[in-house]
């Protein structure tokens, strides 16, 4: 009896896993709509765009998926039709490479500027001339004067 229970549980588990995998594979059109920027609403993904044209494009994606076309083929057609504005981030090639290199170069340049500033500050302190020794007679006169002022200010 326990062997039958295990076999039934195993069969249900395999069937559920196959259905979940099929459902996950079948909805690439929703993923594309969430990942691509809308050509109709700047700054929004296709799924978040409230325009009727975006809704039509989402329906077109679903129809292409149901028709058996591959995701790569549909994405290539969309990029041909609308250009690279559908990408959430620029391609790391050509002019899009500048979007990745310019901030990195600015960070490196800023680090160099900070390092040079700190080095100069440290060197400036090291090169400061040491204080000359104070004449003991002058120090005694200053102490006497300060003592006299303290006594005069404490009198009512």
Protein backbone atom coordinates (compact mmCIF):
# COMPACT_ATOMS: atom_id res chain seq x y z
CA UNK A 1 0.00 0.00 0.00
CA UNK A 2 2.69 2.61 0.82
CA UNK A 3 4.37 1.98 -2.52
CA UNK A 4 1.16 2.88 -4.36
CA UNK A 5 0.84 6.11 -2.39
CA UNK A 6 4.39 7.08 -3.33
CA UNK A 7 3.76 6.28 -6.99
CA UNK A 8 0.56 8.35 -7.03
CA UNK A 9 2.29 11.27 -5.30
CA UNK A 10 5.18 11.05 -7.73
CA UNK A 11 2.81 11.01 -10.71
CA UNK A 12 0.92 14.07 -9.43
CA UNK A 13 4.18 15.89 -8.72
CA UNK A 14 5.50 15.25 -12.23
CA UNK A 15 2.23 16.33 -13.81
CA UNK A 16 2.12 19.55 -11.77
CA UNK A 17 5.75 20.31 -12.63
CA UNK A 18 5.09 19.79 -16.33
CA UNK A 19 2.03 22.06 -16.23
CA UNK A 20 3.94 24.77 -14.39
CA UNK A 21 6.83 24.58 -16.86
CA UNK A 22 4.43 24.78 -19.80
CA UNK A 23 2.61 27.75 -18.30
CA UNK A 24 5.90 29.55 -17.57
CA UNK A 25 7.26 28.89 -21.07
CA UNK A 26 4.01 29.86 -22.79
CA UNK A 27 3.87 33.43 -21.47
CA UNK A 28 6.98 35.01 -22.95
CA UNK A 29 4.76 37.72 -24.42
CA UNK A 30 4.01 39.02 -20.90
CA UNK A 31 7.73 39.04 -20.09
CA UNK A 32 8.47 41.01 -23.25
CA UNK A 33 5.75 43.53 -22.39
CA UNK A 34 7.25 43.97 -18.89
CA UNK A 35 10.85 44.25 -20.14
CA UNK A 36 10.47 46.54 -23.15
CA UNK A 37 9.91 50.27 -22.97
CA UNK A 38 6.79 51.61 -24.61
CA UNK A 39 7.22 53.55 -27.86
CA UNK A 40 4.01 55.39 -26.97
CA UNK A 41 4.65 56.39 -23.32
CA UNK A 42 8.22 57.63 -22.74
CA UNK A 43 9.72 56.33 -19.51
CA UNK A 44 7.20 53.50 -19.07
CA UNK A 45 7.33 49.85 -19.93
CA UNK A 46 4.92 48.52 -22.51
CA UNK A 47 2.88 46.80 -19.77
CA UNK A 48 2.59 50.05 -17.74
CA UNK A 49 1.62 52.28 -20.66
CA UNK A 50 -2.09 53.23 -20.56
CA UNK A 51 -2.36 54.15 -24.26
CA UNK A 52 -4.59 52.14 -26.62
CA UNK A 53 -1.64 51.61 -28.99
CA UNK A 54 0.29 49.88 -26.22
CA UNK A 55 -2.69 47.63 -25.50
CA UNK A 56 -2.82 46.72 -29.22
CA UNK A 57 0.90 45.94 -29.20
CA UNK A 58 0.49 43.69 -26.15
CA UNK A 59 -2.36 41.86 -27.91
CA UNK A 60 -0.15 41.54 -31.00
CA UNK A 61 2.60 40.01 -28.85
CA UNK A 62 0.13 37.46 -27.44
CA UNK A 63 -1.09 36.63 -30.94
CA UNK A 64 2.47 36.10 -32.13
CA UNK A 65 3.13 33.80 -29.19
CA UNK A 66 -0.03 31.81 -29.85
CA UNK A 67 0.91 31.63 -33.53
CA UNK A 68 4.09 29.79 -32.58
CA UNK A 69 6.68 32.48 -33.35
CA UNK A 70 9.80 32.55 -31.23
CA UNK A 71 10.48 35.32 -28.75
CA UNK A 72 13.76 36.23 -30.44
CA UNK A 73 12.06 36.60 -33.82
CA UNK A 74 9.32 38.83 -32.41
CA UNK A 75 11.82 40.98 -30.47
CA UNK A 76 13.92 41.42 -33.61
CA UNK A 77 10.83 42.56 -35.53
CA UNK A 78 9.94 45.06 -32.78
CA UNK A 79 13.47 46.49 -32.76
CA UNK A 80 13.35 46.86 -36.54
CA UNK A 81 10.00 48.65 -36.31
CA UNK A 82 10.64 50.93 -33.31
CA UNK A 83 14.42 51.01 -32.91
CA UNK A 84 16.53 50.83 -29.78
CA UNK A 85 14.16 53.08 -27.81
CA UNK A 86 12.45 49.86 -26.68
CA UNK A 87 15.51 48.86 -24.65
CA UNK A 88 15.55 49.70 -20.95
CA UNK A 89 19.34 50.13 -21.11
CA UNK A 90 21.53 50.94 -24.11
CA UNK A 91 23.53 48.23 -25.83
CA UNK A 92 27.12 48.03 -24.60
CA UNK A 93 28.45 48.69 -28.10
CA UNK A 94 28.81 51.70 -30.36
CA UNK A 95 27.42 54.92 -28.92
CA UNK A 96 25.59 52.98 -26.20
CA UNK A 97 28.98 52.03 -24.78
CA UNK A 98 29.44 55.66 -23.71
CA UNK A 99 26.55 55.24 -21.26
CA UNK A 100 28.68 52.72 -19.40
CA UNK A 101 32.15 54.22 -19.88
CA UNK A 102 31.47 57.91 -19.09
CA UNK A 103 30.23 57.32 -15.51
CA UNK A 104 33.10 54.90 -14.88
CA UNK A 105 35.63 57.42 -16.21
CA UNK A 106 34.06 60.18 -14.10
CA UNK A 107 34.32 58.01 -10.98
CA UNK A 108 37.98 57.25 -11.69
CA UNK A 109 38.74 60.92 -12.38
CA UNK A 110 37.01 61.93 -9.16
CA UNK A 111 39.05 59.39 -7.22
CA UNK A 112 42.26 60.75 -8.74
CA UNK A 113 41.29 64.32 -7.83
CA UNK A 114 40.51 63.32 -4.22
CA UNK A 115 43.77 61.35 -3.95
CA UNK A 116 45.81 64.29 -5.27
CA UNK A 117 44.03 66.70 -2.93
CA UNK A 118 44.66 64.50 0.10
CA UNK A 119 48.29 63.98 -0.90
CA UNK A 120 48.79 67.73 -1.28
CA UNK A 121 47.15 68.40 2.08
CA UNK A 122 49.36 65.86 3.81
CA UNK A 123 52.49 67.17 2.10
CA UNK A 124 51.58 70.77 3.02
CA UNK A 125 51.56 69.86 6.71
CA UNK A 126 54.87 68.05 6.52
CA UNK A 127 56.58 71.03 4.88
CA UNK A 128 55.38 73.59 7.43
CA UNK A 129 58.35 75.07 9.29
CA UNK A 130 58.58 74.12 12.95
CA UNK A 131 57.79 76.80 15.49
CA UNK A 132 60.80 78.75 16.67
CA UNK A 133 61.62 78.42 20.37
CA UNK A 134 60.06 81.14 22.49
CA UNK A 135 62.33 83.47 24.46
CA UNK A 136 61.89 82.64 28.18
CA UNK A 137 61.90 86.33 29.11
CA UNK A 138 59.10 87.08 26.64
CA UNK A 139 57.11 84.12 27.96
CA UNK A 140 57.49 85.43 31.55
CA UNK A 141 56.30 88.91 30.51
CA UNK A 142 53.23 87.47 28.77
CA UNK A 143 52.39 85.35 31.83
CA UNK A 144 52.76 88.40 34.12
CA UNK A 145 50.51 90.49 31.86
CA UNK A 146 47.85 87.76 31.67
CA UNK A 147 47.99 87.29 35.45
CA UNK A 148 47.56 91.03 35.98
CA UNK A 149 44.57 91.17 33.64
CA UNK A 150 42.98 88.16 35.36
CA UNK A 151 43.34 89.85 38.76
CA UNK A 152 41.94 93.17 37.50
CA UNK A 153 38.92 91.51 35.91
CA UNK A 154 38.14 89.54 39.06
CA UNK A 155 37.90 92.71 41.19
CA UNK A 156 34.39 94.16 41.56
